[in-house]
Amino acid sequence: MSAAASASAAVRFVGRNTTGMAVVDQAADPGFTLVRALSSGYTACPVVVLLTPSGHSDEDARFAFGQGARAVALATASASYLHQVLAGVYLGVPIQSKGETTSPDQKRSHALSQRETEILALIAEGMSSRSIAERLVVSVETVRSHAKNIIRKLEANGRAEAVSIAYRTGILDSDALPLS
């Protein structure tokens, strides 16, 4: 395990060493430029982003995935949960909330309805419940109810973690994200 003093030092380190993965704290890389540099190019390695808890965690998670993050977790998550996320990324095994490994067949056990998947995709785009309600011509309470069901079905601790789980397990496709 190594730590880099700067973004350029991290990129140089990954270029010179075989790296199993990189963990980047959002506080040190708020624009996710290091995430993009580490996850692309000749020396690409899987990147896990530790998000700073905020009211924008959903949007930050989406942006981190768009920049190439393999997984995201709140920096305040429990040590055991972070261990499971890191181990899963290192081993190439998708991890869902609570640290349980999943296979493509197991993700069907969390089957979201078409509407829930649609709402989850809009949450991943950073839209508020009110904006989603206006777009889908439903009440804000209906959107909130769907969001609660999504969080429950994915066994997540909140919307940001639900989005993270959805990308890690293939419910949402990070390759389809626009690189804003």
N, C-alpha and C. Protein backbone atom coordinates (compact mmCIF):
# COMPACT_ATOMS: atom_id res chain seq x y z
N MET A 1 0.85 -1.17 0.00
CA MET A 1 0.00 0.00 0.00
C MET A 1 0.89 1.22 0.00
N SER A 2 0.55 2.17 -0.86
CA SER A 2 1.33 3.40 -0.97
C SER A 2 0.39 4.60 -1.03
N ALA A 3 0.92 5.74 -0.66
CA ALA A 3 0.17 6.98 -0.76
C ALA A 3 0.99 7.95 -1.60
N ALA A 4 0.30 8.77 -2.38
CA ALA A 4 0.98 9.76 -3.20
C ALA A 4 0.70 11.15 -2.65
N ALA A 5 1.69 12.01 -2.73
CA ALA A 5 1.56 13.37 -2.20
C ALA A 5 0.81 14.29 -3.15
N SER A 6 0.72 13.92 -4.42
CA SER A 6 0.04 14.77 -5.39
C SER A 6 -0.56 13.90 -6.49
N ALA A 7 -1.43 14.51 -7.29
CA ALA A 7 -2.06 13.78 -8.40
C ALA A 7 -1.01 13.31 -9.39
N SER A 8 -0.06 14.17 -9.73
CA SER A 8 0.96 13.77 -10.71
C SER A 8 1.84 12.65 -10.15
N ALA A 9 2.11 12.67 -8.84
CA ALA A 9 2.88 11.60 -8.22
C ALA A 9 2.12 10.28 -8.28
N ALA A 10 0.80 10.34 -8.09
CA ALA A 10 -0.02 9.13 -8.17
C ALA A 10 0.01 8.54 -9.57
N VAL A 11 -0.12 9.38 -10.58
CA VAL A 11 -0.10 8.90 -11.96
C VAL A 11 1.27 8.31 -12.29
N ARG A 12 2.35 8.97 -11.85
CA ARG A 12 3.71 8.44 -12.08
C ARG A 12 3.88 7.10 -11.38
N PHE A 13 3.39 6.99 -10.14
CA PHE A 13 3.52 5.74 -9.39
C PHE A 13 2.82 4.60 -10.12
N VAL A 14 1.58 4.83 -10.56
CA VAL A 14 0.84 3.79 -11.27
C VAL A 14 1.55 3.42 -12.57
N GLY A 15 2.16 4.40 -13.23
CA GLY A 15 2.90 4.13 -14.46
C GLY A 15 4.13 3.27 -14.26
N ARG A 16 4.75 3.36 -13.08
CA ARG A 16 5.98 2.61 -12.80
C ARG A 16 5.75 1.30 -12.07
N ASN A 17 4.57 1.11 -11.50
CA ASN A 17 4.32 -0.06 -10.65
C ASN A 17 3.05 -0.77 -11.07
N THR A 18 3.04 -2.08 -10.90
CA THR A 18 1.82 -2.82 -11.09
C THR A 18 0.91 -2.51 -9.91
N THR A 19 -0.23 -1.95 -10.20
CA THR A 19 -1.12 -1.52 -9.14
C THR A 19 -2.43 -2.28 -9.22
N GLY A 20 -2.84 -2.89 -8.13
CA GLY A 20 -4.09 -3.65 -8.11
C GLY A 20 -5.30 -2.74 -8.17
N MET A 21 -5.20 -1.58 -7.56
CA MET A 21 -6.28 -0.60 -7.58
C MET A 21 -5.79 0.68 -6.93
N ALA A 22 -6.55 1.74 -7.16
CA ALA A 22 -6.25 3.02 -6.52
C ALA A 22 -7.50 3.47 -5.76
N VAL A 23 -7.28 4.06 -4.60
CA VAL A 23 -8.37 4.63 -3.81
C VAL A 23 -8.14 6.13 -3.77
N VAL A 24 -9.15 6.88 -4.23
CA VAL A 24 -9.03 8.32 -4.31
C VAL A 24 -10.10 8.96 -3.44
N ASP A 25 -9.69 9.84 -2.55
CA ASP A 25 -10.62 10.56 -1.70
C ASP A 25 -11.11 11.79 -2.45
N GLN A 26 -12.41 11.97 -2.52
CA GLN A 26 -12.99 13.11 -3.22
C GLN A 26 -12.45 14.43 -2.68
N ALA A 27 -12.16 14.48 -1.39
CA ALA A 27 -11.65 15.72 -0.80
C ALA A 27 -10.32 16.12 -1.45
N ALA A 28 -9.53 15.13 -1.88
CA ALA A 28 -8.24 15.40 -2.52
C ALA A 28 -8.38 15.58 -4.03
N ASP A 29 -9.49 15.12 -4.60
CA ASP A 29 -9.69 15.19 -6.05
C ASP A 29 -11.15 15.56 -6.34
N PRO A 30 -11.57 16.78 -5.97
CA PRO A 30 -12.99 17.14 -6.10
C PRO A 30 -13.52 17.14 -7.52
N GLY A 31 -12.68 17.34 -8.51
CA GLY A 31 -13.14 17.34 -9.91
C GLY A 31 -12.97 15.99 -10.57
N PHE A 32 -12.46 15.01 -9.85
CA PHE A 32 -12.24 13.64 -10.33
C PHE A 32 -11.29 13.57 -11.52
N THR A 33 -10.39 14.54 -11.65
CA THR A 33 -9.42 14.50 -12.74
C THR A 33 -8.39 13.40 -12.52
N LEU A 34 -8.00 13.17 -11.27
CA LEU A 34 -7.08 12.07 -10.97
C LEU A 34 -7.76 10.74 -11.27
N VAL A 35 -9.03 10.61 -10.91
CA VAL A 35 -9.78 9.38 -11.19
C VAL A 35 -9.72 9.08 -12.69
N ARG A 36 -9.98 10.09 -13.50
CA ARG A 36 -9.96 9.91 -14.96
C ARG A 36 -8.56 9.52 -15.44
N ALA A 37 -7.53 10.18 -14.92
CA ALA A 37 -6.16 9.88 -15.34
C ALA A 37 -5.75 8.46 -14.96
N LEU A 38 -6.13 8.03 -13.78
CA LEU A 38 -5.74 6.70 -13.32
C LEU A 38 -6.53 5.58 -13.99
N SER A 39 -7.76 5.85 -14.38
CA SER A 39 -8.61 4.79 -14.92
C SER A 39 -8.57 4.71 -16.44
N SER A 40 -7.80 5.56 -17.08
CA SER A 40 -7.72 5.51 -18.54
C SER A 40 -6.27 5.50 -18.96
N GLY A 41 -6.05 5.24 -20.22
CA GLY A 41 -4.69 5.29 -20.74
C GLY A 41 -3.93 3.99 -20.58
N TYR A 42 -2.67 4.07 -20.85
CA TYR A 42 -1.79 2.90 -20.88
C TYR A 42 -1.69 2.20 -19.53
N THR A 43 -1.69 2.95 -18.46
CA THR A 43 -1.48 2.39 -17.12
C THR A 43 -2.77 2.31 -16.32
N ALA A 44 -3.88 2.08 -16.99
CA ALA A 44 -5.18 2.09 -16.31
C ALA A 44 -5.22 1.08 -15.16
N CYS A 45 -5.85 1.49 -14.08
CA CYS A 45 -6.08 0.59 -12.95
C CYS A 45 -7.46 0.90 -12.39
N PRO A 46 -8.08 -0.08 -11.73
CA PRO A 46 -9.40 0.18 -11.14
C PRO A 46 -9.29 1.24 -10.04
N VAL A 47 -10.28 2.13 -10.01
CA VAL A 47 -10.27 3.22 -9.04
C VAL A 47 -11.54 3.16 -8.19
N VAL A 48 -11.37 3.27 -6.88
CA VAL A 48 -12.47 3.38 -5.94
C VAL A 48 -12.44 4.80 -5.40
N VAL A 49 -13.59 5.47 -5.41
CA VAL A 49 -13.66 6.84 -4.92
C VAL A 49 -14.37 6.86 -3.58
N LEU A 50 -13.76 7.53 -2.62
CA LEU A 50 -14.39 7.75 -1.32
C LEU A 50 -15.05 9.12 -1.37
N LEU A 51 -16.38 9.12 -1.38
CA LEU A 51 -17.15 10.35 -1.52
C LEU A 51 -17.28 11.08 -0.19
N THR A 52 -17.19 12.39 -0.26
CA THR A 52 -17.46 13.24 0.88
C THR A 52 -18.97 13.31 1.06
N PRO A 53 -19.49 12.93 2.22
CA PRO A 53 -20.95 12.98 2.41
C PRO A 53 -21.47 14.41 2.22
N SER A 54 -22.48 14.54 1.39
CA SER A 54 -23.08 15.85 1.14
C SER A 54 -24.46 15.65 0.53
N GLY A 55 -25.15 16.72 0.34
CA GLY A 55 -26.44 16.67 -0.33
C GLY A 55 -26.30 16.39 -1.81
N HIS A 56 -25.06 16.38 -2.31
CA HIS A 56 -24.81 16.14 -3.73
C HIS A 56 -24.17 14.78 -3.97
N SER A 57 -24.25 13.87 -3.02
CA SER A 57 -23.57 12.58 -3.15
C SER A 57 -24.04 11.80 -4.37
N ASP A 58 -25.34 11.87 -4.70
CA ASP A 58 -25.85 11.16 -5.88
C ASP A 58 -25.16 11.67 -7.14
N GLU A 59 -25.12 12.98 -7.27
CA GLU A 59 -24.50 13.61 -8.45
C GLU A 59 -23.01 13.32 -8.47
N ASP A 60 -22.36 13.38 -7.33
CA ASP A 60 -20.93 13.11 -7.25
C ASP A 60 -20.63 11.66 -7.65
N ALA A 61 -21.47 10.72 -7.20
CA ALA A 61 -21.27 9.32 -7.55
C ALA A 61 -21.39 9.13 -9.06
N ARG A 62 -22.41 9.72 -9.65
CA ARG A 62 -22.61 9.62 -11.09
C ARG A 62 -21.41 10.19 -11.84
N PHE A 63 -20.93 11.34 -11.41
CA PHE A 63 -19.80 11.97 -12.08
C PHE A 63 -18.53 11.13 -11.91
N ALA A 64 -18.33 10.57 -10.73
CA ALA A 64 -17.15 9.71 -10.49
C ALA A 64 -17.17 8.50 -11.43
N PHE A 65 -18.35 7.87 -11.57
CA PHE A 65 -18.46 6.75 -12.50
C PHE A 65 -18.18 7.21 -13.93
N GLY A 66 -18.68 8.38 -14.28
CA GLY A 66 -18.44 8.92 -15.62
C GLY A 66 -16.97 9.18 -15.89
N GLN A 67 -16.20 9.45 -14.85
CA GLN A 67 -14.77 9.69 -15.00
C GLN A 67 -13.96 8.40 -14.92
N GLY A 68 -14.64 7.27 -14.71
CA GLY A 68 -13.95 5.98 -14.76
C GLY A 68 -13.87 5.22 -13.46
N ALA A 69 -14.47 5.73 -12.39
CA ALA A 69 -14.42 4.99 -11.11
C ALA A 69 -15.08 3.63 -11.27
N ARG A 70 -14.50 2.63 -10.66
CA ARG A 70 -15.07 1.29 -10.68
C ARG A 70 -16.12 1.14 -9.58
N ALA A 71 -15.93 1.86 -8.47
CA ALA A 71 -16.87 1.81 -7.35
C ALA A 71 -16.76 3.11 -6.58
N VAL A 72 -17.82 3.43 -5.85
CA VAL A 72 -17.81 4.57 -4.95
C VAL A 72 -18.37 4.13 -3.61
N ALA A 73 -17.94 4.78 -2.57
CA ALA A 73 -18.47 4.53 -1.23
C ALA A 73 -18.32 5.83 -0.46
N LEU A 74 -19.18 6.04 0.49
CA LEU A 74 -19.04 7.21 1.34
C LEU A 74 -17.79 7.06 2.20
N ALA A 75 -17.06 8.13 2.36
CA ALA A 75 -15.84 8.10 3.17
C ALA A 75 -16.16 7.75 4.61
N THR A 76 -17.40 7.94 5.03
CA THR A 76 -17.80 7.65 6.40
C THR A 76 -18.36 6.24 6.57
N ALA A 77 -18.31 5.43 5.52
CA ALA A 77 -18.82 4.05 5.61
C ALA A 77 -18.00 3.26 6.62
N SER A 78 -18.59 2.19 7.11
CA SER A 78 -17.89 1.36 8.09
C SER A 78 -16.67 0.71 7.46
N ALA A 79 -15.71 0.39 8.29
CA ALA A 79 -14.48 -0.26 7.82
C ALA A 79 -14.78 -1.59 7.15
N SER A 80 -15.72 -2.35 7.69
CA SER A 80 -16.02 -3.65 7.09
C SER A 80 -16.67 -3.49 5.72
N TYR A 81 -17.53 -2.48 5.56
CA TYR A 81 -18.14 -2.24 4.25
C TYR A 81 -17.07 -1.80 3.24
N LEU A 82 -16.19 -0.88 3.64
CA LEU A 82 -15.12 -0.44 2.76
C LEU A 82 -14.21 -1.60 2.38
N HIS A 83 -13.93 -2.47 3.32
CA HIS A 83 -13.12 -3.65 3.03
C HIS A 83 -13.79 -4.50 1.97
N GLN A 84 -15.08 -4.71 2.08
CA GLN A 84 -15.81 -5.52 1.11
C GLN A 84 -15.80 -4.87 -0.28
N VAL A 85 -15.98 -3.57 -0.33
CA VAL A 85 -15.96 -2.86 -1.62
C VAL A 85 -14.57 -2.98 -2.24
N LEU A 86 -13.53 -2.72 -1.46
CA LEU A 86 -12.16 -2.78 -1.98
C LEU A 86 -11.80 -4.20 -2.42
N ALA A 87 -12.17 -5.19 -1.61
CA ALA A 87 -11.88 -6.58 -1.98
C ALA A 87 -12.63 -6.95 -3.25
N GLY A 88 -13.87 -6.54 -3.36
CA GLY A 88 -14.65 -6.85 -4.56
C GLY A 88 -14.06 -6.24 -5.81
N VAL A 89 -13.64 -4.98 -5.73
CA VAL A 89 -13.02 -4.33 -6.89
C VAL A 89 -11.69 -5.01 -7.22
N TYR A 90 -10.90 -5.28 -6.22
CA TYR A 90 -9.60 -5.91 -6.44
C TYR A 90 -9.75 -7.27 -7.11
N LEU A 91 -10.75 -8.03 -6.67
CA LEU A 91 -10.97 -9.37 -7.23
C LEU A 91 -11.85 -9.37 -8.47
N GLY A 92 -12.40 -8.21 -8.80
CA GLY A 92 -13.27 -8.13 -9.97
C GLY A 92 -14.65 -8.71 -9.74
N VAL A 93 -15.06 -8.79 -8.47
CA VAL A 93 -16.37 -9.33 -8.12
C VAL A 93 -17.30 -8.18 -7.75
N PRO A 94 -18.44 -8.03 -8.44
CA PRO A 94 -19.36 -6.96 -8.05
C PRO A 94 -19.81 -7.14 -6.60
N ILE A 95 -19.91 -6.02 -5.90
CA ILE A 95 -20.32 -6.03 -4.51
C ILE A 95 -21.58 -5.19 -4.39
N GLN A 96 -22.53 -5.70 -3.64
CA GLN A 96 -23.70 -4.89 -3.35
C GLN A 96 -23.59 -4.43 -1.91
N SER A 97 -24.53 -3.65 -1.48
CA SER A 97 -24.54 -3.15 -0.11
C SER A 97 -24.44 -4.31 0.87
N LYS A 98 -23.95 -4.03 2.03
CA LYS A 98 -23.77 -5.00 3.10
C LYS A 98 -22.64 -5.98 2.79
N GLY A 99 -21.86 -5.72 1.71
CA GLY A 99 -20.69 -6.53 1.42
C GLY A 99 -20.97 -7.88 0.83
N GLU A 100 -22.16 -8.15 0.32
CA GLU A 100 -22.45 -9.45 -0.25
C GLU A 100 -22.03 -9.47 -1.70
N THR A 101 -21.35 -10.54 -2.11
CA THR A 101 -20.98 -10.64 -3.51
C THR A 101 -22.20 -11.02 -4.32
N THR A 102 -22.21 -10.59 -5.58
CA THR A 102 -23.33 -10.90 -6.45
C THR A 102 -22.83 -11.43 -7.78
N SER A 103 -23.63 -12.25 -8.40
CA SER A 103 -23.36 -12.68 -9.76
C SER A 103 -24.46 -12.08 -10.62
N PRO A 104 -24.30 -12.11 -11.96
CA PRO A 104 -25.36 -11.56 -12.81
C PRO A 104 -26.72 -12.21 -12.56
N ASP A 105 -26.72 -13.50 -12.22
CA ASP A 105 -28.00 -14.16 -11.94
C ASP A 105 -28.59 -13.69 -10.62
N GLN A 106 -27.73 -13.44 -9.63
CA GLN A 106 -28.23 -13.01 -8.33
C GLN A 106 -28.82 -11.61 -8.38
N LYS A 107 -28.33 -10.76 -9.30
CA LYS A 107 -28.85 -9.41 -9.34
C LYS A 107 -30.32 -9.39 -9.71
N ARG A 108 -30.80 -10.45 -10.36
CA ARG A 108 -32.22 -10.52 -10.71
C ARG A 108 -33.08 -10.65 -9.45
N SER A 109 -32.48 -11.15 -8.36
CA SER A 109 -33.26 -11.28 -7.13
C SER A 109 -33.63 -9.90 -6.59
N HIS A 110 -32.94 -8.88 -7.04
CA HIS A 110 -33.25 -7.50 -6.65
C HIS A 110 -34.00 -6.81 -7.76
N ALA A 111 -34.68 -7.59 -8.59
CA ALA A 111 -35.31 -7.03 -9.79
C ALA A 111 -36.11 -5.78 -9.47
N LEU A 112 -35.74 -4.72 -10.14
CA LEU A 112 -36.48 -3.48 -10.04
C LEU A 112 -37.51 -3.46 -11.15
N SER A 113 -38.62 -2.82 -10.89
CA SER A 113 -39.61 -2.66 -11.94
C SER A 113 -39.03 -1.71 -13.01
N GLN A 114 -39.66 -1.71 -14.15
CA GLN A 114 -39.21 -0.81 -15.22
C GLN A 114 -39.24 0.64 -14.74
N ARG A 115 -40.29 1.02 -14.02
CA ARG A 115 -40.42 2.39 -13.53
C ARG A 115 -39.33 2.69 -12.50
N GLU A 116 -39.04 1.72 -11.60
CA GLU A 116 -37.98 1.92 -10.61
C GLU A 116 -36.63 2.09 -11.28
N THR A 117 -36.36 1.30 -12.32
CA THR A 117 -35.11 1.43 -13.05
C THR A 117 -35.02 2.79 -13.72
N GLU A 118 -36.13 3.25 -14.28
CA GLU A 118 -36.18 4.56 -14.92
C GLU A 118 -35.89 5.66 -13.89
N ILE A 119 -36.52 5.56 -12.74
CA ILE A 119 -36.31 6.57 -11.69
C ILE A 119 -34.88 6.50 -11.17
N LEU A 120 -34.33 5.30 -11.01
CA LEU A 120 -32.95 5.16 -10.56
C LEU A 120 -31.99 5.81 -11.56
N ALA A 121 -32.24 5.64 -12.85
CA ALA A 121 -31.39 6.27 -13.87
C ALA A 121 -31.48 7.79 -13.77
N LEU A 122 -32.66 8.32 -13.50
CA LEU A 122 -32.80 9.77 -13.36
C LEU A 122 -32.12 10.27 -12.09
N ILE A 123 -32.19 9.48 -11.02
CA ILE A 123 -31.46 9.82 -9.79
C ILE A 123 -29.96 9.85 -10.11
N ALA A 124 -29.50 8.86 -10.87
CA ALA A 124 -28.08 8.79 -11.23
C ALA A 124 -27.66 9.99 -12.06
N GLU A 125 -28.59 10.59 -12.79
CA GLU A 125 -28.29 11.79 -13.57
C GLU A 125 -28.23 13.03 -12.67
N GLY A 126 -28.54 12.86 -11.39
CA GLY A 126 -28.46 13.97 -10.45
C GLY A 126 -29.76 14.74 -10.31
N MET A 127 -30.84 14.20 -10.82
CA MET A 127 -32.12 14.92 -10.75
C MET A 127 -32.75 14.80 -9.36
N SER A 128 -33.42 15.84 -8.94
CA SER A 128 -34.13 15.86 -7.66
C SER A 128 -35.46 15.12 -7.82
N SER A 129 -36.07 14.79 -6.71
CA SER A 129 -37.39 14.14 -6.75
C SER A 129 -38.40 15.02 -7.48
N ARG A 130 -38.34 16.30 -7.23
CA ARG A 130 -39.27 17.23 -7.89
C ARG A 130 -39.07 17.23 -9.40
N SER A 131 -37.82 17.27 -9.85
CA SER A 131 -37.53 17.26 -11.29
C SER A 131 -37.97 15.95 -11.94
N ILE A 132 -37.74 14.86 -11.24
CA ILE A 132 -38.16 13.55 -11.76
C ILE A 132 -39.68 13.51 -11.87
N ALA A 133 -40.36 14.00 -10.84
CA ALA A 133 -41.82 14.01 -10.84
C ALA A 133 -42.36 14.82 -12.02
N GLU A 134 -41.76 15.98 -12.26
CA GLU A 134 -42.20 16.81 -13.39
C GLU A 134 -41.97 16.11 -14.72
N ARG A 135 -40.82 15.47 -14.87
CA ARG A 135 -40.51 14.79 -16.13
C ARG A 135 -41.46 13.61 -16.38
N LEU A 136 -41.75 12.85 -15.31
CA LEU A 136 -42.58 11.65 -15.47
C LEU A 136 -44.07 11.92 -15.27
N VAL A 137 -44.41 13.14 -14.94
CA VAL A 137 -45.79 13.57 -14.70
C VAL A 137 -46.45 12.68 -13.63
N VAL A 138 -45.76 12.64 -12.49
CA VAL A 138 -46.28 11.95 -11.30
C VAL A 138 -46.04 12.88 -10.11
N SER A 139 -46.55 12.50 -8.96
CA SER A 139 -46.34 13.34 -7.78
C SER A 139 -44.94 13.12 -7.20
N VAL A 140 -44.48 14.10 -6.46
CA VAL A 140 -43.19 13.99 -5.80
C VAL A 140 -43.22 12.82 -4.82
N GLU A 141 -44.35 12.63 -4.16
CA GLU A 141 -44.48 11.52 -3.20
C GLU A 141 -44.35 10.17 -3.90
N THR A 142 -44.85 10.06 -5.13
CA THR A 142 -44.71 8.81 -5.89
C THR A 142 -43.24 8.54 -6.18
N VAL A 143 -42.51 9.57 -6.56
CA VAL A 143 -41.07 9.41 -6.81
C VAL A 143 -40.36 8.99 -5.53
N ARG A 144 -40.68 9.64 -4.43
CA ARG A 144 -40.04 9.30 -3.15
C ARG A 144 -40.36 7.86 -2.74
N SER A 145 -41.58 7.43 -2.99
CA SER A 145 -41.97 6.06 -2.68
C SER A 145 -41.17 5.07 -3.52
N HIS A 146 -41.03 5.35 -4.82
CA HIS A 146 -40.22 4.49 -5.68
C HIS A 146 -38.76 4.48 -5.20
N ALA A 147 -38.24 5.65 -4.83
CA ALA A 147 -36.85 5.74 -4.36
C ALA A 147 -36.66 4.88 -3.11
N LYS A 148 -37.61 4.93 -2.19
CA LYS A 148 -37.53 4.10 -0.98
C LYS A 148 -37.53 2.62 -1.33
N ASN A 149 -38.37 2.23 -2.30
CA ASN A 149 -38.42 0.83 -2.73
C ASN A 149 -37.11 0.40 -3.37
N ILE A 150 -36.53 1.28 -4.17
CA ILE A 150 -35.25 0.99 -4.82
C ILE A 150 -34.18 0.76 -3.76
N ILE A 151 -34.11 1.67 -2.80
CA ILE A 151 -33.12 1.57 -1.73
C ILE A 151 -33.31 0.27 -0.94
N ARG A 152 -34.56 -0.06 -0.65
CA ARG A 152 -34.85 -1.30 0.07
C ARG A 152 -34.45 -2.53 -0.75
N LYS A 153 -34.85 -2.58 -2.02
CA LYS A 153 -34.54 -3.74 -2.86
C LYS A 153 -33.04 -3.93 -3.07
N LEU A 154 -32.31 -2.85 -3.17
CA LEU A 154 -30.86 -2.94 -3.37
C LEU A 154 -30.10 -3.02 -2.05
N GLU A 155 -30.83 -2.96 -0.95
CA GLU A 155 -30.24 -3.02 0.39
C GLU A 155 -29.18 -1.93 0.56
N ALA A 156 -29.52 -0.75 0.09
CA ALA A 156 -28.60 0.40 0.16
C ALA A 156 -28.93 1.24 1.38
N ASN A 157 -28.02 2.14 1.71
CA ASN A 157 -28.22 3.04 2.84
C ASN A 157 -28.73 4.41 2.40
N GLY A 158 -28.88 4.61 1.11
CA GLY A 158 -29.36 5.88 0.59
C GLY A 158 -29.29 5.88 -0.92
N ARG A 159 -29.66 7.00 -1.51
CA ARG A 159 -29.70 7.10 -2.97
C ARG A 159 -28.33 6.95 -3.62
N ALA A 160 -27.32 7.59 -3.04
CA ALA A 160 -25.98 7.51 -3.63
C ALA A 160 -25.48 6.07 -3.64
N GLU A 161 -25.69 5.36 -2.56
CA GLU A 161 -25.25 3.97 -2.51
C GLU A 161 -26.07 3.12 -3.46
N ALA A 162 -27.36 3.40 -3.61
CA ALA A 162 -28.19 2.67 -4.58
C ALA A 162 -27.65 2.85 -5.99
N VAL A 163 -27.27 4.07 -6.33
CA VAL A 163 -26.70 4.34 -7.66
C VAL A 163 -25.39 3.57 -7.82
N SER A 164 -24.55 3.59 -6.80
CA SER A 164 -23.28 2.88 -6.84
C SER A 164 -23.51 1.38 -7.05
N ILE A 165 -24.43 0.82 -6.30
CA ILE A 165 -24.75 -0.61 -6.42
C ILE A 165 -25.26 -0.90 -7.83
N ALA A 166 -26.11 -0.03 -8.34
CA ALA A 166 -26.69 -0.24 -9.66
C ALA A 166 -25.61 -0.27 -10.74
N TYR A 167 -24.61 0.59 -10.64
CA TYR A 167 -23.52 0.57 -11.62
C TYR A 167 -22.64 -0.66 -11.43
N ARG A 168 -22.31 -0.99 -10.18
CA ARG A 168 -21.43 -2.13 -9.93
C ARG A 168 -22.06 -3.44 -10.36
N THR A 169 -23.37 -3.56 -10.24
CA THR A 169 -24.03 -4.83 -10.55
C THR A 169 -24.61 -4.88 -11.95
N GLY A 170 -24.50 -3.78 -12.71
CA GLY A 170 -24.97 -3.79 -14.08
C GLY A 170 -26.43 -3.41 -14.28
N ILE A 171 -27.11 -3.03 -13.21
CA ILE A 171 -28.49 -2.57 -13.37
C ILE A 171 -28.50 -1.30 -14.21
N LEU A 172 -27.52 -0.41 -13.94
CA LEU A 172 -27.30 0.76 -14.79
C LEU A 172 -25.96 0.57 -15.48
N ASP A 173 -25.85 1.07 -16.68
CA ASP A 173 -24.65 0.87 -17.49
C ASP A 173 -23.79 2.12 -17.47
N SER A 174 -22.62 2.06 -16.81
CA SER A 174 -21.75 3.24 -16.73
C SER A 174 -21.15 3.60 -18.07
N ASP A 175 -21.12 2.67 -19.03
CA ASP A 175 -20.60 2.99 -20.36
C ASP A 175 -21.52 3.94 -21.11
N ALA A 176 -22.79 4.02 -20.69
CA ALA A 176 -23.74 4.88 -21.37
C ALA A 176 -23.75 6.30 -20.81
N LEU A 177 -22.93 6.56 -19.78
CA LEU A 177 -22.91 7.88 -19.16
C LEU A 177 -22.25 8.90 -20.06
N PRO A 178 -22.83 10.09 -20.18
CA PRO A 178 -22.13 11.15 -20.91
C PRO A 178 -20.95 11.63 -20.08
N LEU A 179 -19.85 11.95 -20.70
CA LEU A 179 -18.68 12.46 -19.98
C LEU A 179 -18.74 13.97 -19.97
N SER A 180 -19.49 14.53 -19.00
CA SER A 180 -19.66 15.98 -18.94
C SER A 180 -18.42 16.65 -18.46
